[in-house]
Amino acid sequence: MSIQIYTQRTPNPKSLKFIVNREIISNGKAVFSSVEECGDILLAKDLLALPSVTQIYFFENMITVTQSNEEWDELQLQVRSVIQTRIIMHNPEIIKKGDKVIDRSTLSPELQKIEEILDRTIRPGLKSDGGDLDVVSLENNELIVRYQGACGTCPSSTAGTLYAIEDILRREYHPELRVLPE
């Protein structure tokens, strides 16, 4: 099967999604911000080695590449070339060193409810834009979240998206909840 790569813009001008007709990661997601974090994942290593690339986000058959500027012409060609040549030997069974498989059944009922709301209302949109978020903590009606992928450096993440998350969680979970980025 030939390798097909489709490029899609994200709301973040510093991030671009590359959708591949092959599986990139079998389970969950993976975020890489340095070559050292990549371990033996050559695809991630070589993408991060490209000039100005600051983060790689793997989800299903998608790679979101974030860079330090907004010029994509040359970099887009380089990213496509790396994907094209490395995907053949890429193993989608990625377990990133230090990552833990999260079993939500061990979370408090409050966090389980918040995760369910986020899965149903927020995460589909973030993932379609090449990103995601993790819940870091919940204390005293203050929820701390960490953006990933295109969402990590997107100007709208800390403004509009954060307010939308807070509004939905206030309506569906607790009216006095505050949502803050990590």
Protein backbone atom coordinates (compact mmCIF):
# COMPACT_ATOMS: atom_id res chain seq x y z
CA MET A 1 0.00 0.00 0.00
CA SER A 2 1.40 3.40 -0.91
CA ILE A 3 1.86 5.94 1.85
CA GLN A 4 -0.53 8.86 1.67
CA ILE A 5 -0.07 11.97 3.78
CA TYR A 6 -2.71 14.68 4.03
CA THR A 7 -1.86 18.02 5.58
CA GLN A 8 -4.38 20.03 7.57
CA ARG A 9 -4.05 23.41 9.21
CA THR A 10 -4.97 23.81 12.86
CA PRO A 11 -6.24 26.91 14.67
CA ASN A 12 -2.66 27.29 15.93
CA PRO A 13 -0.53 28.85 13.15
CA LYS A 14 2.55 27.20 14.68
CA SER A 15 1.08 23.68 14.36
CA LEU A 16 0.19 21.55 11.36
CA LYS A 17 -1.53 18.15 11.26
CA PHE A 18 -0.23 15.36 9.06
CA ILE A 19 -2.81 12.61 8.58
CA VAL A 20 -1.31 9.34 7.35
CA ASN A 21 -3.03 6.27 5.92
CA ARG A 22 -1.12 4.19 8.47
CA GLU A 23 -1.45 3.81 12.22
CA ILE A 24 0.93 6.13 14.10
CA ILE A 25 0.08 4.99 17.63
CA SER A 26 -2.03 1.97 18.62
CA ASN A 27 -3.18 3.12 22.05
CA GLY A 28 -3.64 6.54 23.56
CA LYS A 29 -1.43 9.43 22.53
CA ALA A 30 2.19 10.47 22.87
CA VAL A 31 3.80 13.89 23.11
CA PHE A 32 7.51 14.44 22.48
CA SER A 33 9.25 17.76 23.16
CA SER A 34 12.88 16.63 23.00
CA VAL A 35 14.92 14.01 21.16
CA GLU A 36 15.80 12.48 24.56
CA GLU A 37 12.10 11.74 25.23
CA CYS A 38 11.82 9.73 22.00
CA GLY A 39 13.81 6.70 23.11
CA ASP A 40 14.07 4.41 20.11
CA ILE A 41 11.13 5.96 18.20
CA LEU A 42 12.96 7.02 15.06
CA LEU A 43 9.97 8.78 13.50
CA ALA A 44 9.63 11.12 16.49
CA LYS A 45 13.40 11.63 16.80
CA ASP A 46 13.84 12.60 13.17
CA LEU A 47 10.86 14.94 13.20
CA LEU A 48 12.16 16.72 16.31
CA ALA A 49 15.58 17.02 14.68
CA LEU A 50 14.12 19.23 11.94
CA PRO A 51 14.86 22.97 12.22
CA SER A 52 12.43 24.89 14.46
CA VAL A 53 10.32 21.82 15.43
CA THR A 54 9.50 22.05 19.14
CA GLN A 55 6.90 19.31 19.70
CA ILE A 56 5.46 16.18 18.09
CA TYR A 57 2.04 14.81 19.04
CA PHE A 58 0.96 11.29 17.96
CA PHE A 59 -2.70 10.28 17.99
CA GLU A 60 -4.22 7.38 16.01
CA ASN A 61 -3.14 8.04 12.39
CA MET A 62 -2.21 11.69 12.94
CA ILE A 63 0.99 13.57 13.73
CA THR A 64 0.76 17.18 14.85
CA VAL A 65 4.00 19.07 14.40
CA THR A 66 4.54 22.31 16.33
CA GLN A 67 7.34 24.69 15.49
CA SER A 68 8.77 27.92 16.85
CA ASN A 69 7.65 30.12 13.94
CA GLU A 70 4.78 30.20 11.44
CA GLU A 71 6.61 29.58 8.15
CA TRP A 72 5.59 26.18 6.78
CA ASP A 73 6.62 26.02 3.11
CA GLU A 74 10.02 24.34 3.46
CA LEU A 75 9.34 22.65 6.81
CA GLN A 76 6.16 21.00 5.54
CA LEU A 77 8.15 19.33 2.74
CA GLN A 78 10.79 18.16 5.23
CA VAL A 79 8.15 16.72 7.60
CA ARG A 80 6.45 14.88 4.74
CA SER A 81 9.81 13.46 3.67
CA VAL A 82 10.62 12.19 7.18
CA ILE A 83 7.17 10.59 7.53
CA GLN A 84 7.41 9.03 4.07
CA THR A 85 10.80 7.43 4.75
CA ARG A 86 10.37 6.47 8.44
CA ILE A 87 6.79 5.20 8.51
CA ILE A 88 7.83 1.96 6.80
CA MET A 89 9.88 0.92 9.84
CA HIS A 90 7.70 2.65 12.46
CA ASN A 91 6.10 0.48 15.16
CA PRO A 92 2.79 1.99 16.37
CA GLU A 93 3.00 0.04 19.65
CA ILE A 94 4.47 3.06 21.41
CA ILE A 95 5.00 3.13 25.13
CA LYS A 96 6.78 6.33 25.98
CA LYS A 97 9.29 6.02 28.80
CA GLY A 98 7.80 7.46 31.98
CA ASP A 99 4.22 7.40 30.71
CA LYS A 100 1.69 5.56 32.78
CA VAL A 101 -1.41 3.84 31.54
CA ILE A 102 -4.22 5.63 33.29
CA ASP A 103 -6.96 3.50 34.74
CA ARG A 104 -9.82 5.92 35.32
CA SER A 105 -11.54 3.49 37.68
CA THR A 106 -8.94 4.47 40.27
CA LEU A 107 -9.81 8.17 39.99
CA SER A 108 -12.11 9.87 42.46
CA PRO A 109 -15.80 10.01 41.43
CA GLU A 110 -15.37 13.76 40.86
CA LEU A 111 -12.47 13.29 38.42
CA GLN A 112 -14.27 10.43 36.69
CA LYS A 113 -17.24 12.72 36.08
CA ILE A 114 -14.99 15.54 34.79
CA GLU A 115 -13.13 13.14 32.47
CA GLU A 116 -16.46 11.83 31.12
CA ILE A 117 -17.66 15.39 30.40
CA LEU A 118 -14.37 16.31 28.72
CA ASP A 119 -14.42 13.11 26.62
CA ARG A 120 -17.96 13.84 25.44
CA THR A 121 -17.79 17.61 24.88
CA ILE A 122 -14.24 18.98 24.61
CA ARG A 123 -11.74 16.34 23.53
CA PRO A 124 -13.32 15.50 20.16
CA GLY A 125 -12.88 19.11 19.03
CA LEU A 126 -9.36 19.40 20.41
CA LYS A 127 -8.34 16.14 18.73
CA SER A 128 -9.80 17.26 15.41
CA ASP A 129 -7.60 20.36 15.73
CA GLY A 130 -4.50 18.22 16.39
CA GLY A 131 -4.35 18.46 20.16
CA ASP A 132 -5.74 17.32 23.46
CA LEU A 133 -5.63 18.05 27.17
CA ASP A 134 -4.85 16.17 30.34
CA VAL A 135 -6.35 16.80 33.75
CA VAL A 136 -3.45 17.46 36.11
CA SER A 137 -5.28 18.01 39.39
CA LEU A 138 -8.51 19.03 41.12
CA GLU A 139 -8.35 20.82 44.45
CA ASN A 140 -10.79 23.22 46.10
CA ASN A 141 -12.90 23.63 42.93
CA GLU A 142 -9.79 24.44 40.90
CA LEU A 143 -9.08 22.16 37.94
CA ILE A 144 -5.59 22.32 36.43
CA VAL A 145 -5.27 21.13 32.82
CA ARG A 146 -2.30 20.62 30.50
CA TYR A 147 -2.74 21.23 26.78
CA GLN A 148 -1.01 18.94 24.28
CA GLY A 149 -0.22 18.97 20.57
CA ALA A 150 -1.46 21.98 18.62
CA CYS A 151 -3.33 23.17 21.70
CA GLY A 152 -0.12 23.52 23.73
CA THR A 153 1.04 26.73 22.07
CA CYS A 154 -2.22 27.96 20.56
CA PRO A 155 -3.20 31.50 21.55
CA SER A 156 -6.87 30.50 21.79
CA SER A 157 -6.11 27.71 24.29
CA THR A 158 -5.52 30.08 27.17
CA ALA A 159 -8.45 32.28 26.22
CA GLY A 160 -11.49 31.03 24.31
CA THR A 161 -10.95 27.29 24.70
CA LEU A 162 -10.21 27.55 28.41
CA TYR A 163 -13.38 29.61 28.97
CA ALA A 164 -15.43 27.12 26.94
CA ILE A 165 -14.10 24.23 29.05
CA GLU A 166 -14.85 26.12 32.24
CA ASP A 167 -18.36 27.05 31.05
CA ILE A 168 -19.26 23.45 30.14
CA LEU A 169 -17.86 22.05 33.39
CA ARG A 170 -19.68 24.71 35.42
CA ARG A 171 -22.97 23.79 33.75
CA GLU A 172 -22.49 20.02 33.92
CA TYR A 173 -20.35 19.50 37.01
CA HIS A 174 -20.07 22.39 39.50
CA PRO A 175 -21.11 26.06 39.11
CA GLU A 176 -18.07 27.42 40.97
CA LEU A 177 -15.35 25.35 39.27
CA ARG A 178 -12.34 27.27 37.94
CA VAL A 179 -10.24 25.83 35.12
CA LEU A 180 -6.62 26.89 34.87
CA PRO A 181 -3.78 25.89 32.54
CA GLU A 182 -0.68 24.29 34.02
